[in-house]
PDB file of all heavy atoms in Angstrom:
ATOM      1  N   ASN A   1      23.034  -8.767 -27.427  1.00  0.00           N
ATOM      2  CA  ASN A   1      21.724  -8.924 -28.078  1.00  0.00           C
ATOM      3  C   ASN A   1      21.090  -7.575 -28.387  1.00  0.00           C
ATOM      4  O   ASN A   1      20.481  -7.407 -29.451  1.00  0.00           O
ATOM      5  CB  ASN A   1      20.797  -9.739 -27.176  1.00  0.00           C
ATOM      6  CG  ASN A   1      21.220 -11.199 -27.076  1.00  0.00           C
ATOM      7  OD1 ASN A   1      21.988 -11.693 -27.904  1.00  0.00           O
ATOM      8  ND2 ASN A   1      20.735 -11.884 -26.062  1.00  0.00           N
ATOM      9  N   TYR A   2      21.220  -6.616 -27.468  1.00  0.00           N
ATOM     10  CA  TYR A   2      20.655  -5.292 -27.716  1.00  0.00           C
ATOM     11  C   TYR A   2      21.307  -4.636 -28.937  1.00  0.00           C
ATOM     12  O   TYR A   2      20.649  -3.940 -29.712  1.00  0.00           O
ATOM     13  CB  TYR A   2      20.830  -4.406 -26.486  1.00  0.00           C
ATOM     14  CG  TYR A   2      19.972  -4.795 -25.310  1.00  0.00           C
ATOM     15  CD1 TYR A   2      20.384  -4.551 -24.001  1.00  0.00           C
ATOM     16  CD2 TYR A   2      18.737  -5.414 -25.501  1.00  0.00           C
ATOM     17  CE1 TYR A   2      19.590  -4.921 -22.918  1.00  0.00           C
ATOM     18  CE2 TYR A   2      17.947  -5.781 -24.431  1.00  0.00           C
ATOM     19  CZ  TYR A   2      18.373  -5.528 -23.140  1.00  0.00           C
ATOM     20  OH  TYR A   2      17.589  -5.879 -22.069  1.00  0.00           O
ATOM     21  N   GLU A   3      22.605  -4.867 -29.094  1.00  0.00           N
ATOM     22  CA  GLU A   3      23.269  -4.314 -30.278  1.00  0.00           C
ATOM     23  C   GLU A   3      22.782  -5.013 -31.542  1.00  0.00           C
ATOM     24  O   GLU A   3      22.511  -4.361 -32.562  1.00  0.00           O
ATOM     25  CB  GLU A   3      24.781  -4.451 -30.153  1.00  0.00           C
ATOM     26  CG  GLU A   3      25.519  -3.858 -31.346  1.00  0.00           C
ATOM     27  CD  GLU A   3      26.989  -4.232 -31.377  1.00  0.00           C
ATOM     28  OE1 GLU A   3      27.488  -4.773 -30.370  1.00  0.00           O
ATOM     29  OE2 GLU A   3      27.625  -3.999 -32.432  1.00  0.00           O
ATOM     30  N   ASP A   4      22.655  -6.340 -31.477  1.00  0.00           N
ATOM     31  CA  ASP A   4      22.189  -7.088 -32.641  1.00  0.00           C
ATOM     32  C   ASP A   4      20.769  -6.689 -33.036  1.00  0.00           C
ATOM     33  O   ASP A   4      20.405  -6.757 -34.211  1.00  0.00           O
ATOM     34  CB  ASP A   4      22.240  -8.592 -32.357  1.00  0.00           C
ATOM     35  CG  ASP A   4      23.667  -9.096 -32.174  1.00  0.00           C
ATOM     36  OD1 ASP A   4      24.599  -8.413 -32.648  1.00  0.00           O
ATOM     37  OD2 ASP A   4      23.842 -10.163 -31.550  1.00  0.00           O
ATOM     38  N   GLU A   5      19.957  -6.267 -32.048  1.00  0.00           N
ATOM     39  CA  GLU A   5      18.578  -5.848 -32.313  1.00  0.00           C
ATOM     40  C   GLU A   5      18.475  -4.372 -32.664  1.00  0.00           C
ATOM     41  O   GLU A   5      17.380  -3.826 -32.745  1.00  0.00           O
ATOM     42  CB  GLU A   5      17.712  -6.145 -31.082  1.00  0.00           C
ATOM     43  CG  GLU A   5      17.596  -7.626 -30.764  1.00  0.00           C
ATOM     44  CD  GLU A   5      16.954  -7.865 -29.406  1.00  0.00           C
ATOM     45  OE1 GLU A   5      16.476  -6.882 -28.792  1.00  0.00           O
ATOM     46  OE2 GLU A   5      16.910  -9.022 -28.961  1.00  0.00           O
ATOM     47  N   ASN A   6      19.639  -3.717 -32.854  1.00  0.00           N
ATOM     48  CA  ASN A   6      19.706  -2.291 -33.232  1.00  0.00           C
ATOM     49  C   ASN A   6      19.159  -1.377 -32.148  1.00  0.00           C
ATOM     50  O   ASN A   6      18.806  -0.220 -32.430  1.00  0.00           O
ATOM     51  CB  ASN A   6      18.961  -2.040 -34.549  1.00  0.00           C
ATOM     52  CG  ASN A   6      19.560  -2.793 -35.707  1.00  0.00           C
ATOM     53  OD1 ASN A   6      20.784  -2.924 -35.814  1.00  0.00           O
ATOM     54  ND2 ASN A   6      18.720  -3.318 -36.582  1.00  0.00           N
ATOM     55  N   ILE A   7      19.083  -1.859 -30.915  1.00  0.00           N
ATOM     56  CA  ILE A   7      18.715  -0.988 -29.801  1.00  0.00           C
ATOM     57  C   ILE A   7      19.907  -0.126 -29.416  1.00  0.00           C
ATOM     58  O   ILE A   7      19.748   1.036 -29.041  1.00  0.00           O
ATOM     59  CB  ILE A   7      18.228  -1.848 -28.614  1.00  0.00           C
ATOM     60  CG1 ILE A   7      16.901  -2.521 -28.983  1.00  0.00           C
ATOM     61  CG2 ILE A   7      18.082  -1.015 -27.358  1.00  0.00           C
ATOM     62  CD1 ILE A   7      16.402  -3.505 -27.949  1.00  0.00           C
ATOM     63  N   LEU A   8      21.108  -0.677 -29.524  1.00  0.00           N
ATOM     64  CA  LEU A   8      22.350   0.069 -29.367  1.00  0.00           C
ATOM     65  C   LEU A   8      22.942   0.336 -30.743  1.00  0.00           C
ATOM     66  O   LEU A   8      22.761  -0.478 -31.665  1.00  0.00           O
ATOM     67  CB  LEU A   8      23.354  -0.715 -28.516  1.00  0.00           C
ATOM     68  CG  LEU A   8      22.927  -1.133 -27.106  1.00  0.00           C
ATOM     69  CD1 LEU A   8      24.079  -1.847 -26.410  1.00  0.00           C
ATOM     70  CD2 LEU A   8      22.462   0.061 -26.307  1.00  0.00           C
ATOM     71  N   PRO A   9      23.656   1.442 -30.908  1.00  0.00           N
ATOM     72  CA  PRO A   9      24.309   1.687 -32.198  1.00  0.00           C
ATOM     73  C   PRO A   9      25.415   0.668 -32.435  1.00  0.00           C
ATOM     74  O   PRO A   9      25.903   0.031 -31.487  1.00  0.00           O
ATOM     75  CB  PRO A   9      24.872   3.111 -32.040  1.00  0.00           C
ATOM     76  CG  PRO A   9      24.997   3.314 -30.572  1.00  0.00           C
ATOM     77  CD  PRO A   9      23.887   2.531 -29.938  1.00  0.00           C
ATOM     78  N   PRO A  10      25.819   0.464 -33.680  1.00  0.00           N
ATOM     79  CA  PRO A  10      26.871  -0.526 -33.971  1.00  0.00           C
ATOM     80  C   PRO A  10      28.165  -0.208 -33.233  1.00  0.00           C
ATOM     81  O   PRO A  10      28.546   0.955 -33.092  1.00  0.00           O
ATOM     82  CB  PRO A  10      27.042  -0.411 -35.490  1.00  0.00           C
ATOM     83  CG  PRO A  10      25.767   0.185 -35.977  1.00  0.00           C
ATOM     84  CD  PRO A  10      25.294   1.101 -34.897  1.00  0.00           C
ATOM     85  N   ALA A  11      28.806  -1.230 -32.734  1.00  0.00           N
ATOM     86  CA  ALA A  11      30.065  -1.057 -32.002  1.00  0.00           C
ATOM     87  C   ALA A  11      31.242  -1.124 -32.962  1.00  0.00           C
ATOM     88  O   ALA A  11      31.152  -1.687 -34.056  1.00  0.00           O
ATOM     89  CB  ALA A  11      30.192  -2.134 -30.927  1.00  0.00           C
ATOM     90  N   GLU A  12      32.340  -0.531 -32.526  1.00  0.00           N
ATOM     91  CA  GLU A  12      33.587  -0.681 -33.259  1.00  0.00           C
ATOM     92  C   GLU A  12      34.125  -2.089 -33.006  1.00  0.00           C
ATOM     93  O   GLU A  12      33.668  -2.791 -32.116  1.00  0.00           O
ATOM     94  CB  GLU A  12      34.601   0.365 -32.797  1.00  0.00           C
ATOM     95  CG  GLU A  12      34.120   1.802 -32.933  1.00  0.00           C
ATOM     96  CD  GLU A  12      35.099   2.769 -32.290  1.00  0.00           C
ATOM     97  OE1 GLU A  12      36.284   2.384 -32.114  1.00  0.00           O
ATOM     98  OE2 GLU A  12      34.689   3.880 -31.937  1.00  0.00           O
ATOM     99  N   ARG A  13      35.110  -2.476 -33.783  1.00  0.00           N
ATOM    100  CA  ARG A  13      35.727  -3.791 -33.615  1.00  0.00           C
ATOM    101  C   ARG A  13      37.237  -3.637 -33.478  1.00  0.00           C
ATOM    102  O   ARG A  13      37.868  -2.843 -34.194  1.00  0.00           O
ATOM    103  CB  ARG A  13      35.414  -4.694 -34.812  1.00  0.00           C
ATOM    104  CG  ARG A  13      33.950  -5.076 -34.930  1.00  0.00           C
ATOM    105  CD  ARG A  13      33.564  -6.159 -33.953  1.00  0.00           C
ATOM    106  NE  ARG A  13      32.169  -6.556 -34.080  1.00  0.00           N
ATOM    107  CZ  ARG A  13      31.661  -7.661 -33.548  1.00  0.00           C
ATOM    108  NH1 ARG A  13      32.454  -8.469 -32.853  1.00  0.00           N
ATOM    109  NH2 ARG A  13      30.385  -7.942 -33.685  1.00  0.00           N
ATOM    110  N   SER A  14      37.793  -4.407 -32.564  1.00  0.00           N
ATOM    111  CA  SER A  14      39.245  -4.417 -32.409  1.00  0.00           C
ATOM    112  C   SER A  14      39.852  -5.256 -33.529  1.00  0.00           C
ATOM    113  O   SER A  14      39.134  -5.972 -34.239  1.00  0.00           O
ATOM    114  CB  SER A  14      39.613  -5.011 -31.046  1.00  0.00           C
ATOM    115  OG  SER A  14      39.314  -6.403 -31.021  1.00  0.00           O
ATOM    116  N   PRO A  15      41.175  -5.184 -33.726  1.00  0.00           N
ATOM    117  CA  PRO A  15      41.790  -6.043 -34.749  1.00  0.00           C
ATOM    118  C   PRO A  15      41.505  -7.520 -34.555  1.00  0.00           C
ATOM    119  O   PRO A  15      41.467  -8.282 -35.522  1.00  0.00           O
ATOM    120  CB  PRO A  15      43.289  -5.737 -34.587  1.00  0.00           C
ATOM    121  CG  PRO A  15      43.323  -4.344 -34.032  1.00  0.00           C
ATOM    122  CD  PRO A  15      42.142  -4.238 -33.130  1.00  0.00           C
ATOM    123  N   ALA A  16      41.251  -7.920 -33.301  1.00  0.00           N
ATOM    124  CA  ALA A  16      40.939  -9.326 -33.029  1.00  0.00           C
ATOM    125  C   ALA A  16      39.449  -9.621 -33.175  1.00  0.00           C
ATOM    126  O   ALA A  16      39.045 -10.773 -33.008  1.00  0.00           O
ATOM    127  CB  ALA A  16      41.395  -9.694 -31.622  1.00  0.00           C
ATOM    128  N   GLY A  17      38.639  -8.600 -33.472  1.00  0.00           N
ATOM    129  CA  GLY A  17      37.214  -8.807 -33.682  1.00  0.00           C
ATOM    130  C   GLY A  17      36.342  -8.591 -32.469  1.00  0.00           C
ATOM    131  O   GLY A  17      35.126  -8.834 -32.531  1.00  0.00           O
ATOM    132  N   TYR A  18      36.916  -8.116 -31.352  1.00  0.00           N
ATOM    133  CA  TYR A  18      36.114  -7.886 -30.156  1.00  0.00           C
ATOM    134  C   TYR A  18      35.357  -6.559 -30.264  1.00  0.00           C
ATOM    135  O   TYR A  18      35.837  -5.600 -30.876  1.00  0.00           O
ATOM    136  CB  TYR A  18      37.003  -7.869 -28.915  1.00  0.00           C
ATOM    137  CG  TYR A  18      37.646  -9.202 -28.609  1.00  0.00           C
ATOM    138  CD1 TYR A  18      39.003  -9.427 -28.873  1.00  0.00           C
ATOM    139  CD2 TYR A  18      36.901 -10.245 -28.068  1.00  0.00           C
ATOM    140  CE1 TYR A  18      39.588 -10.652 -28.600  1.00  0.00           C
ATOM    141  CE2 TYR A  18      37.484 -11.478 -27.792  1.00  0.00           C
ATOM    142  CZ  TYR A  18      38.826 -11.672 -28.071  1.00  0.00           C
ATOM    143  OH  TYR A  18      39.409 -12.895 -27.812  1.00  0.00           O
ATOM    144  N   ARG A  19      34.189  -6.517 -29.626  1.00  0.00           N
ATOM    145  CA  ARG A  19      33.379  -5.295 -29.630  1.00  0.00           C
ATOM    146  C   ARG A  19      34.035  -4.235 -28.752  1.00  0.00           C
ATOM    147  O   ARG A  19      34.486  -4.519 -27.640  1.00  0.00           O
ATOM    148  CB  ARG A  19      31.958  -5.571 -29.113  1.00  0.00           C
ATOM    149  CG  ARG A  19      31.079  -6.356 -30.075  1.00  0.00           C
ATOM    150  CD  ARG A  19      29.732  -6.643 -29.418  1.00  0.00           C
ATOM    151  NE  ARG A  19      28.753  -7.162 -30.359  1.00  0.00           N
ATOM    152  CZ  ARG A  19      28.578  -8.422 -30.651  1.00  0.00           C
ATOM    153  NH1 ARG A  19      29.354  -9.327 -30.074  1.00  0.00           N
ATOM    154  NH2 ARG A  19      27.657  -8.804 -31.510  1.00  0.00           N
ATOM    155  N   LEU A  20      34.028  -3.005 -29.240  1.00  0.00           N
ATOM    156  CA  LEU A  20      34.550  -1.859 -28.497  1.00  0.00           C
ATOM    157  C   LEU A  20      33.444  -0.810 -28.418  1.00  0.00           C
ATOM    158  O   LEU A  20      32.990  -0.291 -29.436  1.00  0.00           O
ATOM    159  CB  LEU A  20      35.789  -1.276 -29.185  1.00  0.00           C
ATOM    160  CG  LEU A  20      36.986  -2.218 -29.364  1.00  0.00           C
ATOM    161  CD1 LEU A  20      38.106  -1.514 -30.103  1.00  0.00           C
ATOM    162  CD2 LEU A  20      37.471  -2.726 -28.000  1.00  0.00           C
ATOM    163  N   TYR A  21      33.012  -0.521 -27.209  1.00  0.00           N
ATOM    164  CA  TYR A  21      31.950   0.459 -27.000  1.00  0.00           C
ATOM    165  C   TYR A  21      32.531   1.773 -26.510  1.00  0.00           C
ATOM    166  O   TYR A  21      33.637   1.829 -25.973  1.00  0.00           O
ATOM    167  CB  TYR A  21      30.929  -0.070 -25.991  1.00  0.00           C
ATOM    168  CG  TYR A  21      30.170  -1.289 -26.461  1.00  0.00           C
ATOM    169  CD1 TYR A  21      30.329  -2.515 -25.829  1.00  0.00           C
ATOM    170  CD2 TYR A  21      29.311  -1.217 -27.536  1.00  0.00           C
ATOM    171  CE1 TYR A  21      29.638  -3.640 -26.247  1.00  0.00           C
ATOM    172  CE2 TYR A  21      28.612  -2.332 -27.970  1.00  0.00           C
ATOM    173  CZ  TYR A  21      28.778  -3.538 -27.325  1.00  0.00           C
ATOM    174  OH  TYR A  21      28.099  -4.647 -27.749  1.00  0.00           O
ATOM    175  N   ARG A  22      31.742   2.832 -26.678  1.00  0.00           N
ATOM    176  CA  ARG A  22      32.125   4.158 -26.226  1.00  0.00           C
ATOM    177  C   ARG A  22      31.064   4.687 -25.263  1.00  0.00           C
ATOM    178  O   ARG A  22      30.090   4.006 -24.953  1.00  0.00           O
ATOM    179  CB  ARG A  22      32.280   5.109 -27.432  1.00  0.00           C
ATOM    180  CG  ARG A  22      33.302   4.658 -28.460  1.00  0.00           C
ATOM    181  CD  ARG A  22      34.712   4.775 -27.940  1.00  0.00           C
ATOM    182  NE  ARG A  22      35.700   4.323 -28.930  1.00  0.00           N
ATOM    183  CZ  ARG A  22      37.012   4.333 -28.711  1.00  0.00           C
ATOM    184  NH1 ARG A  22      37.481   4.765 -27.551  1.00  0.00           N
ATOM    185  NH2 ARG A  22      37.834   3.896 -29.642  1.00  0.00           N
ATOM    186  N   SER A  23      31.255   5.926 -24.820  1.00  0.00           N
ATOM    187  CA  SER A  23      30.268   6.541 -23.925  1.00  0.00           C
ATOM    188  C   SER A  23      28.909   6.661 -24.601  1.00  0.00           C
ATOM    189  O   SER A  23      27.872   6.650 -23.935  1.00  0.00           O
ATOM    190  CB  SER A  23      30.756   7.917 -23.471  1.00  0.00           C
ATOM    191  OG  SER A  23      30.918   8.787 -24.587  1.00  0.00           O
ATOM    192  N   LEU A  24      28.881   6.763 -25.931  1.00  0.00           N
ATOM    193  CA  LEU A  24      27.615   6.827 -26.660  1.00  0.00           C
ATOM    194  C   LEU A  24      26.802   5.559 -26.440  1.00  0.00           C
ATOM    195  O   LEU A  24      25.582   5.619 -26.226  1.00  0.00           O
ATOM    196  CB  LEU A  24      27.901   7.025 -28.156  1.00  0.00           C
ATOM    197  CG  LEU A  24      26.682   7.043 -29.079  1.00  0.00           C
ATOM    198  CD1 LEU A  24      25.851   8.289 -28.823  1.00  0.00           C
ATOM    199  CD2 LEU A  24      27.114   6.979 -30.536  1.00  0.00           C
ATOM    200  N   HIS A  25      27.466   4.412 -26.464  1.00  0.00           N
ATOM    201  CA  HIS A  25      26.758   3.151 -26.260  1.00  0.00           C
ATOM    202  C   HIS A  25      26.287   3.009 -24.811  1.00  0.00           C
ATOM    203  O   HIS A  25      25.189   2.481 -24.559  1.00  0.00           O
ATOM    204  CB  HIS A  25      27.672   1.979 -26.621  1.00  0.00           C
ATOM    205  CG  HIS A  25      28.146   2.004 -28.040  1.00  0.00           C
ATOM    206  ND1 HIS A  25      29.265   2.713 -28.430  1.00  0.00           N
ATOM    207  CD2 HIS A  25      27.647   1.424 -29.162  1.00  0.00           C
ATOM    208  CE1 HIS A  25      29.448   2.549 -29.732  1.00  0.00           C
ATOM    209  NE2 HIS A  25      28.474   1.773 -30.200  1.00  0.00           N
ATOM    210  N   ALA A  26      27.093   3.497 -23.875  1.00  0.00           N
ATOM    211  CA  ALA A  26      26.691   3.427 -22.470  1.00  0.00           C
ATOM    212  C   ALA A  26      25.434   4.248 -22.224  1.00  0.00           C
ATOM    213  O   ALA A  26      24.521   3.811 -21.514  1.00  0.00           O
ATOM    214  CB  ALA A  26      27.835   3.914 -21.582  1.00  0.00           C
ATOM    215  N   GLN A  27      25.358   5.430 -22.839  1.00  0.00           N
ATOM    216  CA  GLN A  27      24.174   6.263 -22.664  1.00  0.00           C
ATOM    217  C   GLN A  27      22.976   5.679 -23.404  1.00  0.00           C
ATOM    218  O   GLN A  27      21.839   5.799 -22.944  1.00  0.00           O
ATOM    219  CB  GLN A  27      24.454   7.690 -23.150  1.00  0.00           C
ATOM    220  CG  GLN A  27      23.311   8.668 -22.926  1.00  0.00           C
ATOM    221  CD  GLN A  27      22.897   8.742 -21.471  1.00  0.00           C
ATOM    222  OE1 GLN A  27      23.738   8.737 -20.569  1.00  0.00           O
ATOM    223  NE2 GLN A  27      21.598   8.813 -21.228  1.00  0.00           N
ATOM    224  N   ALA A  28      23.212   5.030 -24.525  1.00  0.00           N
ATOM    225  CA  ALA A  28      22.114   4.375 -25.243  1.00  0.00           C
ATOM    226  C   ALA A  28      21.491   3.285 -24.384  1.00  0.00           C
ATOM    227  O   ALA A  28      20.261   3.129 -24.340  1.00  0.00           O
ATOM    228  CB  ALA A  28      22.620   3.792 -26.563  1.00  0.00           C
ATOM    229  N   LEU A  29      22.324   2.516 -23.689  1.00  0.00           N
ATOM    230  CA  LEU A  29      21.795   1.456 -22.833  1.00  0.00           C
ATOM    231  C   LEU A  29      21.023   2.047 -21.661  1.00  0.00           C
ATOM    232  O   LEU A  29      19.961   1.537 -21.281  1.00  0.00           O
ATOM    233  CB  LEU A  29      22.941   0.579 -22.338  1.00  0.00           C
ATOM    234  CG  LEU A  29      22.538  -0.623 -21.488  1.00  0.00           C
ATOM    235  CD1 LEU A  29      21.575  -1.530 -22.242  1.00  0.00           C
ATOM    236  CD2 LEU A  29      23.779  -1.403 -21.058  1.00  0.00           C
ATOM    237  N   ARG A  30      21.543   3.133 -21.077  1.00  0.00           N
ATOM    238  CA  ARG A  30      20.803   3.790 -19.992  1.00  0.00           C
ATOM    239  C   ARG A  30      19.447   4.282 -20.479  1.00  0.00           C
ATOM    240  O   ARG A  30      18.430   4.147 -19.783  1.00  0.00           O
ATOM    241  CB  ARG A  30      21.612   4.964 -19.446  1.00  0.00           C
ATOM    242  CG  ARG A  30      22.923   4.586 -18.776  1.00  0.00           C
ATOM    243  CD  ARG A  30      23.577   5.787 -18.112  1.00  0.00           C
ATOM    244  NE  ARG A  30      24.982   5.522 -17.836  1.00  0.00           N
ATOM    245  CZ  ARG A  30      25.987   6.012 -18.537  1.00  0.00           C
ATOM    246  NH1 ARG A  30      25.748   6.824 -19.550  1.00  0.00           N
ATOM    247  NH2 ARG A  30      27.231   5.708 -18.236  1.00  0.00           N
ATOM    248  N   ALA A  31      19.427   4.865 -21.666  1.00  0.00           N
ATOM    249  CA  ALA A  31      18.171   5.390 -22.201  1.00  0.00           C
ATOM    250  C   ALA A  31      17.171   4.271 -22.444  1.00  0.00           C
ATOM    251  O   ALA A  31      15.994   4.386 -22.094  1.00  0.00           O
ATOM    252  CB  ALA A  31      18.440   6.161 -23.492  1.00  0.00           C
ATOM    253  N   PHE A  32      17.619   3.170 -23.023  1.00  0.00           N
ATOM    254  CA  PHE A  32      16.693   2.073 -23.323  1.00  0.00           C
ATOM    255  C   PHE A  32      16.093   1.483 -22.052  1.00  0.00           C
ATOM    256  O   PHE A  32      14.878   1.269 -21.969  1.00  0.00           O
ATOM    257  CB  PHE A  32      17.407   0.985 -24.116  1.00  0.00           C
ATOM    258  CG  PHE A  32      16.605  -0.277 -24.234  1.00  0.00           C
ATOM    259  CD1 PHE A  32      15.457  -0.323 -25.007  1.00  0.00           C
ATOM    260  CD2 PHE A  32      16.990  -1.423 -23.544  1.00  0.00           C
ATOM    261  CE1 PHE A  32      14.708  -1.486 -25.102  1.00  0.00           C
ATOM    262  CE2 PHE A  32      16.245  -2.580 -23.638  1.00  0.00           C
ATOM    263  CZ  PHE A  32      15.096  -2.617 -24.416  1.00  0.00           C
ATOM    264  N   LEU A  33      16.933   1.217 -21.054  1.00  0.00           N
ATOM    265  CA  LEU A  33      16.428   0.609 -19.831  1.00  0.00           C
ATOM    266  C   LEU A  33      15.478   1.541 -19.086  1.00  0.00           C
ATOM    267  O   LEU A  33      14.489   1.105 -18.494  1.00  0.00           O
ATOM    268  CB  LEU A  33      17.592   0.205 -18.930  1.00  0.00           C
ATOM    269  CG  LEU A  33      18.510  -0.880 -19.499  1.00  0.00           C
ATOM    270  CD1 LEU A  33      19.668  -1.152 -18.543  1.00  0.00           C
ATOM    271  CD2 LEU A  33      17.731  -2.161 -19.776  1.00  0.00           C
ATOM    272  N   ALA A  34      15.770   2.851 -19.138  1.00  0.00           N
ATOM    273  CA  ALA A  34      14.866   3.816 -18.504  1.00  0.00           C
ATOM    274  C   ALA A  34      13.552   3.916 -19.270  1.00  0.00           C
ATOM    275  O   ALA A  34      12.477   3.989 -18.671  1.00  0.00           O
ATOM    276  CB  ALA A  34      15.542   5.183 -18.412  1.00  0.00           C
ATOM    277  N   LEU A  35      13.619   3.912 -20.598  1.00  0.00           N
ATOM    278  CA  LEU A  35      12.402   3.955 -21.401  1.00  0.00           C
ATOM    279  C   LEU A  35      11.565   2.698 -21.193  1.00  0.00           C
ATOM    280  O   LEU A  35      10.327   2.760 -21.160  1.00  0.00           O
ATOM    281  CB  LEU A  35      12.761   4.097 -22.880  1.00  0.00           C
ATOM    282  CG  LEU A  35      13.309   5.444 -23.342  1.00  0.00           C
ATOM    283  CD1 LEU A  35      13.858   5.327 -24.755  1.00  0.00           C
ATOM    284  CD2 LEU A  35      12.233   6.521 -23.277  1.00  0.00           C
ATOM    285  N   ARG A  36      12.210   1.564 -21.060  1.00  0.00           N
ATOM    286  CA  ARG A  36      11.483   0.305 -20.911  1.00  0.00           C
ATOM    287  C   ARG A  36      10.623   0.287 -19.658  1.00  0.00           C
ATOM    288  O   ARG A  36       9.548  -0.318 -19.640  1.00  0.00           O
ATOM    289  CB  ARG A  36      12.480  -0.858 -20.891  1.00  0.00           C
ATOM    290  CG  ARG A  36      11.831  -2.227 -20.969  1.00  0.00           C
ATOM    291  CD  ARG A  36      12.873  -3.324 -21.040  1.00  0.00           C
ATOM    292  NE  ARG A  36      13.693  -3.389 -19.835  1.00  0.00           N
ATOM    293  CZ  ARG A  36      14.643  -4.292 -19.643  1.00  0.00           C
ATOM    294  NH1 ARG A  36      14.910  -5.184 -20.589  1.00  0.00           N
ATOM    295  NH2 ARG A  36      15.354  -4.304 -18.522  1.00  0.00           N
ATOM    296  N   SER A  37      11.070   0.970 -18.601  1.00  0.00           N
ATOM    297  CA  SER A  37      10.302   0.985 -17.363  1.00  0.00           C
ATOM    298  C   SER A  37       8.961   1.694 -17.539  1.00  0.00           C
ATOM    299  O   SER A  37       7.979   1.318 -16.904  1.00  0.00           O
ATOM    300  CB  SER A  37      11.109   1.667 -16.249  1.00  0.00           C
ATOM    301  OG  SER A  37      12.297   0.948 -15.985  1.00  0.00           O
ATOM    302  N   GLY A  38       8.926   2.723 -18.391  1.00  0.00           N
ATOM    303  CA  GLY A  38       7.697   3.482 -18.563  1.00  0.00           C
ATOM    304  C   GLY A  38       6.920   3.147 -19.817  1.00  0.00           C
ATOM    305  O   GLY A  38       5.682   3.168 -19.809  1.00  0.00           O
ATOM    306  N   TYR A  39       7.627   2.814 -20.892  1.00  0.00           N
ATOM    307  CA  TYR A  39       6.977   2.600 -22.179  1.00  0.00           C
ATOM    308  C   TYR A  39       6.783   1.124 -22.516  1.00  0.00           C
ATOM    309  O   TYR A  39       6.031   0.802 -23.424  1.00  0.00           O
ATOM    310  CB  TYR A  39       7.805   3.250 -23.293  1.00  0.00           C
ATOM    311  CG  TYR A  39       7.828   4.757 -23.246  1.00  0.00           C
ATOM    312  CD1 TYR A  39       8.723   5.441 -22.438  1.00  0.00           C
ATOM    313  CD2 TYR A  39       6.964   5.514 -24.033  1.00  0.00           C
ATOM    314  CE1 TYR A  39       8.753   6.827 -22.393  1.00  0.00           C
ATOM    315  CE2 TYR A  39       6.982   6.900 -24.007  1.00  0.00           C
ATOM    316  CZ  TYR A  39       7.886   7.539 -23.183  1.00  0.00           C
ATOM    317  OH  TYR A  39       7.912   8.916 -23.141  1.00  0.00           O
ATOM    318  N   GLY A  40       7.477   0.246 -21.804  1.00  0.00           N
ATOM    319  CA  GLY A  40       7.436  -1.161 -22.159  1.00  0.00           C
ATOM    320  C   GLY A  40       8.545  -1.508 -23.137  1.00  0.00           C
ATOM    321  O   GLY A  40       9.086  -0.634 -23.834  1.00  0.00           O
ATOM    322  N   HIS A  41       8.878  -2.796 -23.209  1.00  0.00           N
ATOM    323  CA  HIS A  41      10.018  -3.235 -24.018  1.00  0.00           C
ATOM    324  C   HIS A  41       9.812  -2.926 -25.497  1.00  0.00           C
ATOM    325  O   HIS A  41      10.716  -2.401 -26.164  1.00  0.00           O
ATOM    326  CB  HIS A  41      10.242  -4.739 -23.828  1.00  0.00           C
ATOM    327  CG  HIS A  41      11.445  -5.248 -24.557  1.00  0.00           C
ATOM    328  ND1 HIS A  41      12.676  -5.379 -23.961  1.00  0.00           N
ATOM    329  CD2 HIS A  41      11.602  -5.651 -25.857  1.00  0.00           C
ATOM    330  CE1 HIS A  41      13.546  -5.835 -24.850  1.00  0.00           C
ATOM    331  NE2 HIS A  41      12.926  -6.028 -26.006  1.00  0.00           N
ATOM    332  N   GLN A  42       8.656  -3.229 -26.037  1.00  0.00           N
ATOM    333  CA  GLN A  42       8.436  -3.088 -27.476  1.00  0.00           C
ATOM    334  C   GLN A  42       8.544  -1.640 -27.926  1.00  0.00           C
ATOM    335  O   GLN A  42       9.237  -1.327 -28.902  1.00  0.00           O
ATOM    336  CB  GLN A  42       7.075  -3.662 -27.852  1.00  0.00           C
ATOM    337  CG  GLN A  42       6.785  -3.619 -29.344  1.00  0.00           C
ATOM    338  CD  GLN A  42       5.470  -4.293 -29.695  1.00  0.00           C
ATOM    339  OE1 GLN A  42       4.801  -4.878 -28.839  1.00  0.00           O
ATOM    340  NE2 GLN A  42       5.081  -4.223 -30.948  1.00  0.00           N
ATOM    341  N   ILE A  43       7.861  -0.735 -27.230  1.00  0.00           N
ATOM    342  CA  ILE A  43       7.892   0.669 -27.634  1.00  0.00           C
ATOM    343  C   ILE A  43       9.270   1.265 -27.377  1.00  0.00           C
ATOM    344  O   ILE A  43       9.774   2.068 -28.182  1.00  0.00           O
ATOM    345  CB  ILE A  43       6.801   1.455 -26.893  1.00  0.00           C
ATOM    346  CG1 ILE A  43       5.425   0.918 -27.267  1.00  0.00           C
ATOM    347  CG2 ILE A  43       6.882   2.943 -27.219  1.00  0.00           C
ATOM    348  CD1 ILE A  43       4.279   1.608 -26.559  1.00  0.00           C
ATOM    349  N   ALA A  44       9.913   0.902 -26.268  1.00  0.00           N
ATOM    350  CA  ALA A  44      11.262   1.407 -25.986  1.00  0.00           C
ATOM    351  C   ALA A  44      12.240   0.988 -27.084  1.00  0.00           C
ATOM    352  O   ALA A  44      13.075   1.785 -27.529  1.00  0.00           O
ATOM    353  CB  ALA A  44      11.733   0.911 -24.629  1.00  0.00           C
TER     354      ALA A  44
END
């Protein structure tokens, strides 16, 4: 859902269509969850 809401950058896709994430996506999720604690969900 976070990816669909553009909170995470778009993921790559495997030949079978599965999402493939990288370290960039892992850090994006860490940043969002940390921002949400201080800024709130909407602003984060």
